[in-house]
Each structure stands twice: as C-alpha cells, then as structure tokens.
Amino acid sequence: MNTQLVESLIQVILSLSPEERKLLETKLFWDTSEPTTDEIMKLAHSGGAFEFLADEPDLYSLEDGEPI
C-alpha cells in the first residue's frame, strides 16, 4: 500500500474549492446505479406522488406555537 500517495491525494483534495470538489465527485462517481436526492425529488414532483396533500386541511398557521 502506498500510504504516502494516499496522504498526498488527501492534501490535494482538501485544498480544492467547493466547486472543484463537486466536479471531482461527479467524475469519480458518475457510474452509480442509485438515483441522487435531486433526481428522487424531481421524480416525486413530476409523478404527482404528493398531490393528495393539496386536499388536506391546513392544521397549522403562523399563529400556532411560540416565536423563535
């Protein structure tokens, strides 16, 4: 095992900007069979999975509870 190489890679990754880390993550994990959270949210929205909630009564209002 090349521990020195791993440590060097960790240092490089930690020095990346958030945008660069996101790009690296995309490149490393592009071939995944699991949907992303964003994909699941879009599917639920476009598929109408929660449309039944529009018919539910509003149980709470802005006057409920204590202000934070």
PDB file of N, CA and C in Angstrom:
ATOM      1  N   MET A   1       0.850  -1.179   0.000  1.00  0.00           N
ATOM      2  CA  MET A   1       0.000   0.000   0.000  1.00  0.00           C
ATOM      3  C   MET A   1       0.893   1.238   0.000  1.00  0.00           C
ATOM      4  N   ASN A   2       0.546   2.191  -0.827  1.00  0.00           N
ATOM      5  CA  ASN A   2       1.327   3.417  -0.947  1.00  0.00           C
ATOM      6  C   ASN A   2       0.689   4.503  -0.078  1.00  0.00           C
ATOM      7  N   THR A   3       1.021   4.491   1.198  1.00  0.00           N
ATOM      8  CA  THR A   3       0.450   5.424   2.169  1.00  0.00           C
ATOM      9  C   THR A   3       0.816   6.862   1.841  1.00  0.00           C
ATOM     10  N   GLN A   4       2.017   7.091   1.376  1.00  0.00           N
ATOM     11  CA  GLN A   4       2.450   8.448   1.049  1.00  0.00           C
ATOM     12  C   GLN A   4       1.611   9.029  -0.092  1.00  0.00           C
ATOM     13  N   LEU A   5       1.309   8.220  -1.091  1.00  0.00           N
ATOM     14  CA  LEU A   5       0.474   8.673  -2.200  1.00  0.00           C
ATOM     15  C   LEU A   5      -0.923   9.028  -1.702  1.00  0.00           C
ATOM     16  N   VAL A   6      -1.497   8.182  -0.856  1.00  0.00           N
ATOM     17  CA  VAL A   6      -2.832   8.434  -0.317  1.00  0.00           C
ATOM     18  C   VAL A   6      -2.854   9.740   0.470  1.00  0.00           C
ATOM     19  N   GLU A   7      -1.854   9.954   1.305  1.00  0.00           N
ATOM     20  CA  GLU A   7      -1.777  11.185   2.091  1.00  0.00           C
ATOM     21  C   GLU A   7      -1.650  12.414   1.183  1.00  0.00           C
ATOM     22  N   SER A   8      -0.865  12.286   0.126  1.00  0.00           N
ATOM     23  CA  SER A   8      -0.714  13.394  -0.821  1.00  0.00           C
ATOM     24  C   SER A   8      -2.030  13.697  -1.520  1.00  0.00           C
ATOM     25  N   LEU A   9      -2.738  12.666  -1.914  1.00  0.00           N
ATOM     26  CA  LEU A   9      -4.042  12.862  -2.561  1.00  0.00           C
ATOM     27  C   LEU A   9      -5.030  13.541  -1.625  1.00  0.00           C
ATOM     28  N   ILE A  10      -5.023  13.148  -0.373  1.00  0.00           N
ATOM     29  CA  ILE A  10      -5.924  13.758   0.612  1.00  0.00           C
ATOM     30  C   ILE A  10      -5.628  15.246   0.736  1.00  0.00           C
ATOM     31  N   GLN A  11      -4.355  15.612   0.790  1.00  0.00           N
ATOM     32  CA  GLN A  11      -3.980  17.018   0.891  1.00  0.00           C
ATOM     33  C   GLN A  11      -4.451  17.803  -0.332  1.00  0.00           C
ATOM     34  N   VAL A  12      -4.308  17.224  -1.499  1.00  0.00           N
ATOM     35  CA  VAL A  12      -4.761  17.898  -2.719  1.00  0.00           C
ATOM     36  C   VAL A  12      -6.274  18.069  -2.691  1.00  0.00           C
ATOM     37  N   ILE A  13      -7.001  17.034  -2.334  1.00  0.00           N
ATOM     38  CA  ILE A  13      -8.462  17.102  -2.293  1.00  0.00           C
ATOM     39  C   ILE A  13      -8.921  18.148  -1.290  1.00  0.00           C
ATOM     40  N   LEU A  14      -8.296  18.199  -0.129  1.00  0.00           N
ATOM     41  CA  LEU A  14      -8.676  19.176   0.889  1.00  0.00           C
ATOM     42  C   LEU A  14      -8.380  20.610   0.452  1.00  0.00           C
ATOM     43  N   SER A  15      -7.460  20.784  -0.481  1.00  0.00           N
ATOM     44  CA  SER A  15      -7.121  22.131  -0.952  1.00  0.00           C
ATOM     45  C   SER A  15      -8.055  22.616  -2.062  1.00  0.00           C
ATOM     46  N   LEU A  16      -8.924  21.754  -2.562  1.00  0.00           N
ATOM     47  CA  LEU A  16      -9.823  22.132  -3.650  1.00  0.00           C
ATOM     48  C   LEU A  16     -10.939  23.048  -3.154  1.00  0.00           C
ATOM     49  N   SER A  17     -11.417  23.889  -4.042  1.00  0.00           N
ATOM     50  CA  SER A  17     -12.573  24.735  -3.738  1.00  0.00           C
ATOM     51  C   SER A  17     -13.824  23.850  -3.744  1.00  0.00           C
ATOM     52  N   PRO A  18     -14.930  24.323  -3.180  1.00  0.00           N
ATOM     53  CA  PRO A  18     -16.163  23.523  -3.211  1.00  0.00           C
ATOM     54  C   PRO A  18     -16.595  23.135  -4.624  1.00  0.00           C
ATOM     55  N   GLU A  19     -16.416  24.041  -5.577  1.00  0.00           N
ATOM     56  CA  GLU A  19     -16.789  23.740  -6.968  1.00  0.00           C
ATOM     57  C   GLU A  19     -15.905  22.639  -7.543  1.00  0.00           C
ATOM     58  N   GLU A  20     -14.614  22.711  -7.224  1.00  0.00           N
ATOM     59  CA  GLU A  20     -13.682  21.702  -7.718  1.00  0.00           C
ATOM     60  C   GLU A  20     -13.955  20.342  -7.075  1.00  0.00           C
ATOM     61  N   ARG A  21     -14.317  20.355  -5.795  1.00  0.00           N
ATOM     62  CA  ARG A  21     -14.656  19.091  -5.122  1.00  0.00           C
ATOM     63  C   ARG A  21     -15.901  18.471  -5.738  1.00  0.00           C
ATOM     64  N   LYS A  22     -16.884  19.309  -6.064  1.00  0.00           N
ATOM     65  CA  LYS A  22     -18.113  18.812  -6.678  1.00  0.00           C
ATOM     66  C   LYS A  22     -17.802  18.186  -8.043  1.00  0.00           C
ATOM     67  N   LEU A  23     -16.949  18.830  -8.814  1.00  0.00           N
ATOM     68  CA  LEU A  23     -16.556  18.286 -10.110  1.00  0.00           C
ATOM     69  C   LEU A  23     -15.827  16.960  -9.938  1.00  0.00           C
ATOM     70  N   LEU A  24     -14.915  16.899  -8.987  1.00  0.00           N
ATOM     71  CA  LEU A  24     -14.191  15.653  -8.718  1.00  0.00           C
ATOM     72  C   LEU A  24     -15.165  14.540  -8.317  1.00  0.00           C
ATOM     73  N   GLU A  25     -16.099  14.875  -7.451  1.00  0.00           N
ATOM     74  CA  GLU A  25     -17.097  13.893  -7.018  1.00  0.00           C
ATOM     75  C   GLU A  25     -17.917  13.389  -8.205  1.00  0.00           C
ATOM     76  N   THR A  26     -18.299  14.302  -9.081  1.00  0.00           N
ATOM     77  CA  THR A  26     -19.068  13.920 -10.271  1.00  0.00           C
ATOM     78  C   THR A  26     -18.259  12.980 -11.161  1.00  0.00           C
ATOM     79  N   LYS A  27     -16.994  13.298 -11.356  1.00  0.00           N
ATOM     80  CA  LYS A  27     -16.138  12.465 -12.206  1.00  0.00           C
ATOM     81  C   LYS A  27     -15.883  11.092 -11.591  1.00  0.00           C
ATOM     82  N   LEU A  28     -15.728  11.048 -10.275  1.00  0.00           N
ATOM     83  CA  LEU A  28     -15.439   9.774  -9.609  1.00  0.00           C
ATOM     84  C   LEU A  28     -16.650   8.855  -9.521  1.00  0.00           C
ATOM     85  N   PHE A  29     -17.810   9.446  -9.318  1.00  0.00           N
ATOM     86  CA  PHE A  29     -18.993   8.635  -9.037  1.00  0.00           C
ATOM     87  C   PHE A  29     -20.054   8.748 -10.118  1.00  0.00           C
ATOM     88  N   TRP A  30     -19.662   8.970 -11.341  1.00  0.00           N
ATOM     89  CA  TRP A  30     -20.627   9.153 -12.429  1.00  0.00           C
ATOM     90  C   TRP A  30     -21.372   7.871 -12.760  1.00  0.00           C
ATOM     91  N   ASP A  31     -20.798   6.733 -12.501  1.00  0.00           N
ATOM     92  CA  ASP A  31     -21.417   5.462 -12.875  1.00  0.00           C
ATOM     93  C   ASP A  31     -22.052   4.802 -11.651  1.00  0.00           C
ATOM     94  N   THR A  32     -23.074   5.420 -11.128  1.00  0.00           N
ATOM     95  CA  THR A  32     -23.756   4.857  -9.969  1.00  0.00           C
ATOM     96  C   THR A  32     -25.160   4.439 -10.372  1.00  0.00           C
ATOM     97  N   SER A  33     -25.620   3.379  -9.818  1.00  0.00           N
ATOM     98  CA  SER A  33     -26.949   2.893 -10.159  1.00  0.00           C
ATOM     99  C   SER A  33     -28.019   3.494  -9.248  1.00  0.00           C
ATOM    100  N   GLU A  34     -27.609   4.221  -8.228  1.00  0.00           N
ATOM    101  CA  GLU A  34     -28.570   4.819  -7.314  1.00  0.00           C
ATOM    102  C   GLU A  34     -28.888   6.245  -7.748  1.00  0.00           C
ATOM    103  N   PRO A  35     -30.165   6.625  -7.712  1.00  0.00           N
ATOM    104  CA  PRO A  35     -30.517   7.996  -8.081  1.00  0.00           C
ATOM    105  C   PRO A  35     -30.064   8.979  -7.005  1.00  0.00           C
ATOM    106  N   THR A  36     -29.802  10.209  -7.427  1.00  0.00           N
ATOM    107  CA  THR A  36     -29.424  11.243  -6.482  1.00  0.00           C
ATOM    108  C   THR A  36     -30.673  11.758  -5.768  1.00  0.00           C
ATOM    109  N   THR A  37     -30.478  12.476  -4.693  1.00  0.00           N
ATOM    110  CA  THR A  37     -31.601  13.079  -3.970  1.00  0.00           C
ATOM    111  C   THR A  37     -32.375  14.005  -4.883  1.00  0.00           C
ATOM    112  N   ASP A  38     -31.666  14.786  -5.682  1.00  0.00           N
ATOM    113  CA  ASP A  38     -32.319  15.708  -6.605  1.00  0.00           C
ATOM    114  C   ASP A  38     -33.179  14.962  -7.614  1.00  0.00           C
ATOM    115  N   GLU A  39     -32.673  13.848  -8.117  1.00  0.00           N
ATOM    116  CA  GLU A  39     -33.451  13.051  -9.079  1.00  0.00           C
ATOM    117  C   GLU A  39     -34.712  12.479  -8.434  1.00  0.00           C
ATOM    118  N   ILE A  40     -34.605  12.030  -7.203  1.00  0.00           N
ATOM    119  CA  ILE A  40     -35.774  11.496  -6.489  1.00  0.00           C
ATOM    120  C   ILE A  40     -36.802  12.593  -6.265  1.00  0.00           C
ATOM    121  N   MET A  41     -36.340  13.786  -5.896  1.00  0.00           N
ATOM    122  CA  MET A  41     -37.256  14.897  -5.676  1.00  0.00           C
ATOM    123  C   MET A  41     -37.991  15.273  -6.959  1.00  0.00           C
ATOM    124  N   LYS A  42     -37.254  15.315  -8.078  1.00  0.00           N
ATOM    125  CA  LYS A  42     -37.878  15.647  -9.358  1.00  0.00           C
ATOM    126  C   LYS A  42     -38.889  14.576  -9.768  1.00  0.00           C
ATOM    127  N   LEU A  43     -38.562  13.324  -9.525  1.00  0.00           N
ATOM    128  CA  LEU A  43     -39.470  12.235  -9.857  1.00  0.00           C
ATOM    129  C   LEU A  43     -40.754  12.316  -9.036  1.00  0.00           C
ATOM    130  N   ALA A  44     -40.614  12.556  -7.736  1.00  0.00           N
ATOM    131  CA  ALA A  44     -41.791  12.670  -6.872  1.00  0.00           C
ATOM    132  C   ALA A  44     -42.663  13.854  -7.290  1.00  0.00           C
ATOM    133  N   HIS A  45     -42.022  14.956  -7.657  1.00  0.00           N
ATOM    134  CA  HIS A  45     -42.778  16.141  -8.067  1.00  0.00           C
ATOM    135  C   HIS A  45     -43.480  15.921  -9.398  1.00  0.00           C
ATOM    136  N   SER A  46     -42.760  15.411 -10.381  1.00  0.00           N
ATOM    137  CA  SER A  46     -43.347  15.230 -11.709  1.00  0.00           C
ATOM    138  C   SER A  46     -44.343  14.079 -11.750  1.00  0.00           C
ATOM    139  N   GLY A  47     -44.164  13.095 -10.877  1.00  0.00           N
ATOM    140  CA  GLY A  47     -45.061  11.954 -10.859  1.00  0.00           C
ATOM    141  C   GLY A  47     -46.333  12.172 -10.058  1.00  0.00           C
ATOM    142  N   GLY A  48     -46.375  13.285  -9.303  1.00  0.00           N
ATOM    143  CA  GLY A  48     -47.571  13.598  -8.532  1.00  0.00           C
ATOM    144  C   GLY A  48     -47.736  12.763  -7.274  1.00  0.00           C
ATOM    145  N   ALA A  49     -46.653  12.240  -6.744  1.00  0.00           N
ATOM    146  CA  ALA A  49     -46.717  11.355  -5.579  1.00  0.00           C
ATOM    147  C   ALA A  49     -47.320  12.027  -4.354  1.00  0.00           C
ATOM    148  N   PHE A  50     -47.230  13.346  -4.269  1.00  0.00           N
ATOM    149  CA  PHE A  50     -47.720  14.031  -3.080  1.00  0.00           C
ATOM    150  C   PHE A  50     -48.878  14.983  -3.376  1.00  0.00           C
ATOM    151  N   GLU A  51     -49.508  14.826  -4.523  1.00  0.00           N
ATOM    152  CA  GLU A  51     -50.622  15.711  -4.876  1.00  0.00           C
ATOM    153  C   GLU A  51     -51.794  15.585  -3.908  1.00  0.00           C
ATOM    154  N   PHE A  52     -51.933  14.436  -3.266  1.00  0.00           N
ATOM    155  CA  PHE A  52     -53.036  14.249  -2.323  1.00  0.00           C
ATOM    156  C   PHE A  52     -52.956  15.237  -1.154  1.00  0.00           C
ATOM    157  N   LEU A  53     -51.784  15.744  -0.879  1.00  0.00           N
ATOM    158  CA  LEU A  53     -51.626  16.678   0.232  1.00  0.00           C
ATOM    159  C   LEU A  53     -52.315  18.013  -0.027  1.00  0.00           C
ATOM    160  N   ALA A  54     -52.550  18.349  -1.288  1.00  0.00           N
ATOM    161  CA  ALA A  54     -53.225  19.601  -1.614  1.00  0.00           C
ATOM    162  C   ALA A  54     -54.654  19.606  -1.083  1.00  0.00           C
ATOM    163  N   ASP A  55     -55.253  18.426  -0.928  1.00  0.00           N
ATOM    164  CA  ASP A  55     -56.631  18.328  -0.442  1.00  0.00           C
ATOM    165  C   ASP A  55     -56.714  18.236   1.078  1.00  0.00           C
ATOM    166  N   GLU A  56     -55.580  18.136   1.742  1.00  0.00           N
ATOM    167  CA  GLU A  56     -55.570  18.019   3.203  1.00  0.00           C
ATOM    168  C   GLU A  56     -55.809  19.390   3.837  1.00  0.00           C
ATOM    169  N   PRO A  57     -56.505  19.411   4.974  1.00  0.00           N
ATOM    170  CA  PRO A  57     -56.727  20.701   5.640  1.00  0.00           C
ATOM    171  C   PRO A  57     -55.426  21.240   6.236  1.00  0.00           C
ATOM    172  N   ASP A  58     -55.345  22.559   6.320  1.00  0.00           N
ATOM    173  CA  ASP A  58     -54.195  23.193   6.957  1.00  0.00           C
ATOM    174  C   ASP A  58     -54.368  23.058   8.463  1.00  0.00           C
ATOM    175  N   LEU A  59     -53.478  22.319   9.097  1.00  0.00           N
ATOM    176  CA  LEU A  59     -53.582  22.081  10.532  1.00  0.00           C
ATOM    177  C   LEU A  59     -52.889  23.150  11.351  1.00  0.00           C
ATOM    178  N   TYR A  60     -51.965  23.850  10.745  1.00  0.00           N
ATOM    179  CA  TYR A  60     -51.181  24.831  11.481  1.00  0.00           C
ATOM    180  C   TYR A  60     -51.201  26.174  10.758  1.00  0.00           C
ATOM    181  N   SER A  61     -51.032  27.224  11.531  1.00  0.00           N
ATOM    182  CA  SER A  61     -50.957  28.563  10.955  1.00  0.00           C
ATOM    183  C   SER A  61     -49.742  29.270  11.543  1.00  0.00           C
ATOM    184  N   LEU A  62     -49.519  30.497  11.089  1.00  0.00           N
ATOM    185  CA  LEU A  62     -48.397  31.273  11.613  1.00  0.00           C
ATOM    186  C   LEU A  62     -48.603  31.658  13.076  1.00  0.00           C
ATOM    187  N   GLU A  63     -49.861  31.615  13.531  1.00  0.00           N
ATOM    188  CA  GLU A  63     -50.147  31.977  14.920  1.00  0.00           C
ATOM    189  C   GLU A  63     -49.921  30.815  15.886  1.00  0.00           C
ATOM    190  N   ASP A  64     -49.724  29.615  15.386  1.00  0.00           N
ATOM    191  CA  ASP A  64     -49.502  28.452  16.239  1.00  0.00           C
ATOM    192  C   ASP A  64     -48.097  28.476  16.832  1.00  0.00           C
ATOM    193  N   GLY A  65     -47.978  27.964  18.035  1.00  0.00           N
ATOM    194  CA  GLY A  65     -46.667  27.820  18.641  1.00  0.00           C
ATOM    195  C   GLY A  65     -46.089  29.114  19.165  1.00  0.00           C
ATOM    196  N   GLU A  66     -44.846  29.055  19.562  1.00  0.00           N
ATOM    197  CA  GLU A  66     -44.156  30.224  20.093  1.00  0.00           C
ATOM    198  C   GLU A  66     -43.149  30.733  19.067  1.00  0.00           C
ATOM    199  N   PRO A  67     -42.970  32.047  18.997  1.00  0.00           N
ATOM    200  CA  PRO A  67     -41.973  32.571  18.072  1.00  0.00           C
ATOM    201  C   PRO A  67     -40.570  32.122  18.463  1.00  0.00           C
ATOM    202  N   ILE A  68     -39.740  31.978  17.482  1.00  0.00           N
ATOM    203  CA  ILE A  68     -38.362  31.549  17.749  1.00  0.00           C
ATOM    204  C   ILE A  68     -37.486  32.764  17.937  1.00  0.00           C
TER     205      ILE A  68
END
